[in-house]
């Protein structure tokens, strides 16, 4: 292929450009995952506060509270990772491992949060007109965009090994 047909004029430049674009997308996907998880939590808290079993709001039940606590914990951790990855990407400090870590954690987390949201909503949580059902269905794709979770694990693990080898030289 002639150099004029390649991004940047050579294979290495084009490859680096593609990897930079993917890393930026991974940061974006992690933020999208956190936002979706927050919405699922908000819907679940509202549902738990108003829905009763007998005369007791389901939010008063300890297992529902435990689900909500797990959801909040995951969201807060994901938000911190996404912000850290974004800051490192913008500064140029890390455009490889941090975006992959944030994307891996946040997209796995939002899947778990969405699952708990459907659980809290019970049978109605699986109905098409429910917000948590749409979130549950939509967020599954986030684990595939910009590289699957398995690919993120390879990027993270391989990057850590390469950094250790460089440090030993």
C-alpha atoms as a PDB file:
ATOM      1  CA  UNK A   1       0.000   0.000   0.000  1.00  0.00           C
ATOM      2  CA  UNK A   2       1.434   3.418  -0.878  1.00  0.00           C
ATOM      3  CA  UNK A   3       2.381   5.705   2.021  1.00  0.00           C
ATOM      4  CA  UNK A   4      -0.096   8.326   0.751  1.00  0.00           C
ATOM      5  CA  UNK A   5      -2.941   5.893   1.499  1.00  0.00           C
ATOM      6  CA  UNK A   6      -1.877   5.428   5.137  1.00  0.00           C
ATOM      7  CA  UNK A   7      -2.898   7.640   8.058  1.00  0.00           C
ATOM      8  CA  UNK A   8       0.196   9.679   8.890  1.00  0.00           C
ATOM      9  CA  UNK A   9       2.102   8.209   5.961  1.00  0.00           C
ATOM     10  CA  UNK A  10       3.231   5.005   7.701  1.00  0.00           C
ATOM     11  CA  UNK A  11       1.731   2.046   9.553  1.00  0.00           C
ATOM     12  CA  UNK A  12       3.075   3.008  12.982  1.00  0.00           C
ATOM     13  CA  UNK A  13       1.558   6.506  12.933  1.00  0.00           C
ATOM     14  CA  UNK A  14      -1.836   5.180  11.873  1.00  0.00           C
ATOM     15  CA  UNK A  15      -1.754   2.459  14.507  1.00  0.00           C
ATOM     16  CA  UNK A  16      -0.918   4.982  17.251  1.00  0.00           C
ATOM     17  CA  UNK A  17      -3.751   7.253  16.059  1.00  0.00           C
ATOM     18  CA  UNK A  18      -6.210   4.360  16.182  1.00  0.00           C
ATOM     19  CA  UNK A  19      -5.091   3.345  19.675  1.00  0.00           C
ATOM     20  CA  UNK A  20      -5.397   6.935  20.926  1.00  0.00           C
ATOM     21  CA  UNK A  21      -8.909   7.148  19.523  1.00  0.00           C
ATOM     22  CA  UNK A  22      -9.879   3.861  21.172  1.00  0.00           C
ATOM     23  CA  UNK A  23      -8.480   5.015  24.526  1.00  0.00           C
ATOM     24  CA  UNK A  24     -10.504   8.246  24.364  1.00  0.00           C
ATOM     25  CA  UNK A  25     -13.587   6.182  23.539  1.00  0.00           C
ATOM     26  CA  UNK A  26     -12.917   3.928  26.528  1.00  0.00           C
ATOM     27  CA  UNK A  27     -12.916   6.957  28.833  1.00  0.00           C
ATOM     28  CA  UNK A  28     -16.219   8.080  27.295  1.00  0.00           C
ATOM     29  CA  UNK A  29     -17.775   4.626  27.661  1.00  0.00           C
ATOM     30  CA  UNK A  30     -16.760   4.504  31.344  1.00  0.00           C
ATOM     31  CA  UNK A  31     -18.548   7.822  31.934  1.00  0.00           C
ATOM     32  CA  UNK A  32     -21.617   6.587  30.067  1.00  0.00           C
ATOM     33  CA  UNK A  33     -21.631   3.445  32.208  1.00  0.00           C
ATOM     34  CA  UNK A  34     -21.452   5.473  35.426  1.00  0.00           C
ATOM     35  CA  UNK A  35     -24.321   7.703  34.287  1.00  0.00           C
ATOM     36  CA  UNK A  36     -26.466   4.719  33.347  1.00  0.00           C
ATOM     37  CA  UNK A  37     -25.722   3.049  36.675  1.00  0.00           C
ATOM     38  CA  UNK A  38     -26.660   6.245  38.527  1.00  0.00           C
ATOM     39  CA  UNK A  39     -29.992   6.368  36.710  1.00  0.00           C
ATOM     40  CA  UNK A  40     -30.684   2.720  37.559  1.00  0.00           C
ATOM     41  CA  UNK A  41     -29.899   3.438  41.219  1.00  0.00           C
ATOM     42  CA  UNK A  42     -32.090   6.553  41.261  1.00  0.00           C
ATOM     43  CA  UNK A  43     -34.993   4.578  39.783  1.00  0.00           C
ATOM     44  CA  UNK A  44     -34.439   1.782  42.312  1.00  0.00           C
ATOM     45  CA  UNK A  45     -34.280   4.071  45.346  1.00  0.00           C
ATOM     46  CA  UNK A  46     -37.484   5.820  44.250  1.00  0.00           C
ATOM     47  CA  UNK A  47     -39.176   2.452  43.681  1.00  0.00           C
ATOM     48  CA  UNK A  48     -38.003   1.101  47.048  1.00  0.00           C
ATOM     49  CA  UNK A  49     -39.321   4.194  48.837  1.00  0.00           C
ATOM     50  CA  UNK A  50     -42.851   4.028  47.387  1.00  0.00           C
ATOM     51  CA  UNK A  51     -43.514   0.345  46.694  1.00  0.00           C
ATOM     52  CA  UNK A  52     -44.895  -1.609  49.609  1.00  0.00           C
ATOM     53  CA  UNK A  53     -45.131  -5.219  50.547  1.00  0.00           C
ATOM     54  CA  UNK A  54     -47.992  -5.450  52.961  1.00  0.00           C
ATOM     55  CA  UNK A  55     -47.857  -1.992  54.465  1.00  0.00           C
ATOM     56  CA  UNK A  56     -44.050  -1.785  54.585  1.00  0.00           C
ATOM     57  CA  UNK A  57     -42.017   0.055  51.935  1.00  0.00           C
ATOM     58  CA  UNK A  58     -39.653  -2.488  50.368  1.00  0.00           C
ATOM     59  CA  UNK A  59     -36.827  -0.030  51.001  1.00  0.00           C
ATOM     60  CA  UNK A  60     -37.169  -0.835  54.695  1.00  0.00           C
ATOM     61  CA  UNK A  61     -36.110  -4.425  54.046  1.00  0.00           C
ATOM     62  CA  UNK A  62     -32.458  -5.122  54.740  1.00  0.00           C
ATOM     63  CA  UNK A  63     -31.774  -7.088  51.554  1.00  0.00           C
ATOM     64  CA  UNK A  64     -33.128  -4.266  49.402  1.00  0.00           C
ATOM     65  CA  UNK A  65     -30.951  -1.831  51.357  1.00  0.00           C
ATOM     66  CA  UNK A  66     -27.951  -4.119  50.794  1.00  0.00           C
ATOM     67  CA  UNK A  67     -28.592  -4.109  47.027  1.00  0.00           C
ATOM     68  CA  UNK A  68     -28.827  -0.321  47.068  1.00  0.00           C
ATOM     69  CA  UNK A  69     -25.611  -0.061  49.098  1.00  0.00           C
ATOM     70  CA  UNK A  70     -23.756  -2.320  46.650  1.00  0.00           C
ATOM     71  CA  UNK A  71     -25.055  -0.251  43.742  1.00  0.00           C
ATOM     72  CA  UNK A  72     -23.960   3.037  45.347  1.00  0.00           C
ATOM     73  CA  UNK A  73     -20.519   1.642  46.209  1.00  0.00           C
ATOM     74  CA  UNK A  74     -19.916   0.465  42.659  1.00  0.00           C
ATOM     75  CA  UNK A  75     -21.075   3.775  41.207  1.00  0.00           C
ATOM     76  CA  UNK A  76     -18.841   5.834  43.472  1.00  0.00           C
ATOM     77  CA  UNK A  77     -15.822   3.664  42.676  1.00  0.00           C
ATOM     78  CA  UNK A  78     -16.603   3.793  38.953  1.00  0.00           C
ATOM     79  CA  UNK A  79     -17.034   7.558  39.004  1.00  0.00           C
ATOM     80  CA  UNK A  80     -13.633   7.958  40.677  1.00  0.00           C
ATOM     81  CA  UNK A  81     -11.971   5.643  38.141  1.00  0.00           C
ATOM     82  CA  UNK A  82     -13.605   7.405  35.185  1.00  0.00           C
ATOM     83  CA  UNK A  83     -12.535  10.833  36.445  1.00  0.00           C
ATOM     84  CA  UNK A  84      -8.996   9.631  37.118  1.00  0.00           C
ATOM     85  CA  UNK A  85      -8.722   8.036  33.676  1.00  0.00           C
ATOM     86  CA  UNK A  86     -10.066  11.196  32.027  1.00  0.00           C
ATOM     87  CA  UNK A  87      -7.564  13.384  33.877  1.00  0.00           C
ATOM     88  CA  UNK A  88      -4.674  11.085  32.948  1.00  0.00           C
ATOM     89  CA  UNK A  89      -5.825  10.944  29.337  1.00  0.00           C
ATOM     90  CA  UNK A  90      -6.077  14.740  29.043  1.00  0.00           C
ATOM     91  CA  UNK A  91      -2.679  15.280  30.695  1.00  0.00           C
ATOM     92  CA  UNK A  92      -1.066  12.576  28.548  1.00  0.00           C
ATOM     93  CA  UNK A  93       0.129  10.746  31.674  1.00  0.00           C
ATOM     94  CA  UNK A  94      -1.667   7.512  30.744  1.00  0.00           C
ATOM     95  CA  UNK A  95      -3.580   6.877  27.560  1.00  0.00           C
ATOM     96  CA  UNK A  96      -3.490   3.108  27.694  1.00  0.00           C
ATOM     97  CA  UNK A  97      -3.929   1.346  31.036  1.00  0.00           C
ATOM     98  CA  UNK A  98      -6.147   3.838  32.923  1.00  0.00           C
ATOM     99  CA  UNK A  99      -8.761   4.103  30.153  1.00  0.00           C
ATOM    100  CA  UNK A 100      -8.883   0.298  29.938  1.00  0.00           C
ATOM    101  CA  UNK A 101      -9.163  -0.071  33.727  1.00  0.00           C
ATOM    102  CA  UNK A 102     -11.989   2.482  33.858  1.00  0.00           C
ATOM    103  CA  UNK A 103     -13.818   0.907  30.935  1.00  0.00           C
ATOM    104  CA  UNK A 104     -13.475  -2.619  32.303  1.00  0.00           C
ATOM    105  CA  UNK A 105     -14.601  -1.737  35.815  1.00  0.00           C
ATOM    106  CA  UNK A 106     -17.397   0.650  34.864  1.00  0.00           C
ATOM    107  CA  UNK A 107     -18.978  -1.530  32.198  1.00  0.00           C
ATOM    108  CA  UNK A 108     -18.900  -4.614  34.418  1.00  0.00           C
ATOM    109  CA  UNK A 109     -20.238  -2.526  37.326  1.00  0.00           C
ATOM    110  CA  UNK A 110     -23.156  -1.102  35.355  1.00  0.00           C
ATOM    111  CA  UNK A 111     -24.194  -4.615  34.349  1.00  0.00           C
ATOM    112  CA  UNK A 112     -24.305  -5.622  38.010  1.00  0.00           C
ATOM    113  CA  UNK A 113     -26.145  -2.434  38.994  1.00  0.00           C
ATOM    114  CA  UNK A 114     -28.717  -2.923  36.233  1.00  0.00           C
ATOM    115  CA  UNK A 115     -29.241  -6.522  37.344  1.00  0.00           C
ATOM    116  CA  UNK A 116     -29.843  -5.403  40.938  1.00  0.00           C
ATOM    117  CA  UNK A 117     -32.217  -2.673  39.710  1.00  0.00           C
ATOM    118  CA  UNK A 118     -34.347  -5.244  37.899  1.00  0.00           C
ATOM    119  CA  UNK A 119     -34.257  -7.437  41.020  1.00  0.00           C
ATOM    120  CA  UNK A 120     -35.460  -4.582  43.231  1.00  0.00           C
ATOM    121  CA  UNK A 121     -38.280  -3.806  40.806  1.00  0.00           C
ATOM    122  CA  UNK A 122     -39.335  -7.452  40.793  1.00  0.00           C
ATOM    123  CA  UNK A 123     -41.415  -8.752  37.902  1.00  0.00           C
ATOM    124  CA  UNK A 124     -42.253  -5.230  36.725  1.00  0.00           C
ATOM    125  CA  UNK A 125     -38.544  -4.501  36.295  1.00  0.00           C
ATOM    126  CA  UNK A 126     -38.448  -6.815  33.297  1.00  0.00           C
ATOM    127  CA  UNK A 127     -41.355  -5.135  31.484  1.00  0.00           C
ATOM    128  CA  UNK A 128     -40.508  -3.134  28.349  1.00  0.00           C
ATOM    129  CA  UNK A 129     -42.063   0.118  29.587  1.00  0.00           C
ATOM    130  CA  UNK A 130     -39.831   0.245  32.679  1.00  0.00           C
ATOM    131  CA  UNK A 131     -36.712   2.429  32.649  1.00  0.00           C
ATOM    132  CA  UNK A 132     -34.639  -0.198  34.455  1.00  0.00           C
ATOM    133  CA  UNK A 133     -35.502  -2.799  31.798  1.00  0.00           C
ATOM    134  CA  UNK A 134     -34.171  -0.491  29.072  1.00  0.00           C
ATOM    135  CA  UNK A 135     -31.026   0.211  31.069  1.00  0.00           C
ATOM    136  CA  UNK A 136     -30.564  -3.518  31.718  1.00  0.00           C
ATOM    137  CA  UNK A 137     -30.829  -4.233  28.002  1.00  0.00           C
ATOM    138  CA  UNK A 138     -28.782  -1.258  26.778  1.00  0.00           C
ATOM    139  CA  UNK A 139     -25.786  -1.524  29.091  1.00  0.00           C
ATOM    140  CA  UNK A 140     -24.907  -5.037  27.977  1.00  0.00           C
ATOM    141  CA  UNK A 141     -23.514  -3.560  24.787  1.00  0.00           C
ATOM    142  CA  UNK A 142     -21.091  -1.334  26.726  1.00  0.00           C
ATOM    143  CA  UNK A 143     -18.942  -4.379  27.523  1.00  0.00           C
ATOM    144  CA  UNK A 144     -18.394  -4.792  23.776  1.00  0.00           C
ATOM    145  CA  UNK A 145     -17.803  -1.193  22.561  1.00  0.00           C
ATOM    146  CA  UNK A 146     -14.204  -0.004  22.218  1.00  0.00           C
ATOM    147  CA  UNK A 147     -12.888  -3.487  23.017  1.00  0.00           C
ATOM    148  CA  UNK A 148     -14.508  -6.270  25.007  1.00  0.00           C
ATOM    149  CA  UNK A 149     -13.886  -6.792  28.720  1.00  0.00           C
ATOM    150  CA  UNK A 150     -11.561  -9.647  27.819  1.00  0.00           C
ATOM    151  CA  UNK A 151      -9.504  -7.357  25.571  1.00  0.00           C
ATOM    152  CA  UNK A 152      -9.331  -4.744  28.359  1.00  0.00           C
ATOM    153  CA  UNK A 153      -7.897  -7.398  30.674  1.00  0.00           C
ATOM    154  CA  UNK A 154      -5.210  -8.211  28.087  1.00  0.00           C
ATOM    155  CA  UNK A 155      -4.347  -4.531  27.640  1.00  0.00           C
ATOM    156  CA  UNK A 156      -4.123  -3.975  31.398  1.00  0.00           C
ATOM    157  CA  UNK A 157      -2.154  -7.128  32.193  1.00  0.00           C
ATOM    158  CA  UNK A 158       0.165  -6.775  29.194  1.00  0.00           C
ATOM    159  CA  UNK A 159       0.761  -3.123  29.989  1.00  0.00           C
ATOM    160  CA  UNK A 160       1.679  -3.891  33.581  1.00  0.00           C
ATOM    161  CA  UNK A 161       4.174  -6.553  32.485  1.00  0.00           C
ATOM    162  CA  UNK A 162       5.721  -4.210  29.870  1.00  0.00           C
ATOM    163  CA  UNK A 163       6.085  -1.458  32.508  1.00  0.00           C
ATOM    164  CA  UNK A 164       7.772  -3.895  34.912  1.00  0.00           C
ATOM    165  CA  UNK A 165      10.186  -5.052  32.192  1.00  0.00           C
ATOM    166  CA  UNK A 166      11.084  -1.440  31.340  1.00  0.00           C
ATOM    167  CA  UNK A 167      11.690  -0.676  35.013  1.00  0.00           C
ATOM    168  CA  UNK A 168      14.084  -3.635  35.277  1.00  0.00           C
ATOM    169  CA  UNK A 169      16.269  -2.446  32.381  1.00  0.00           C
END
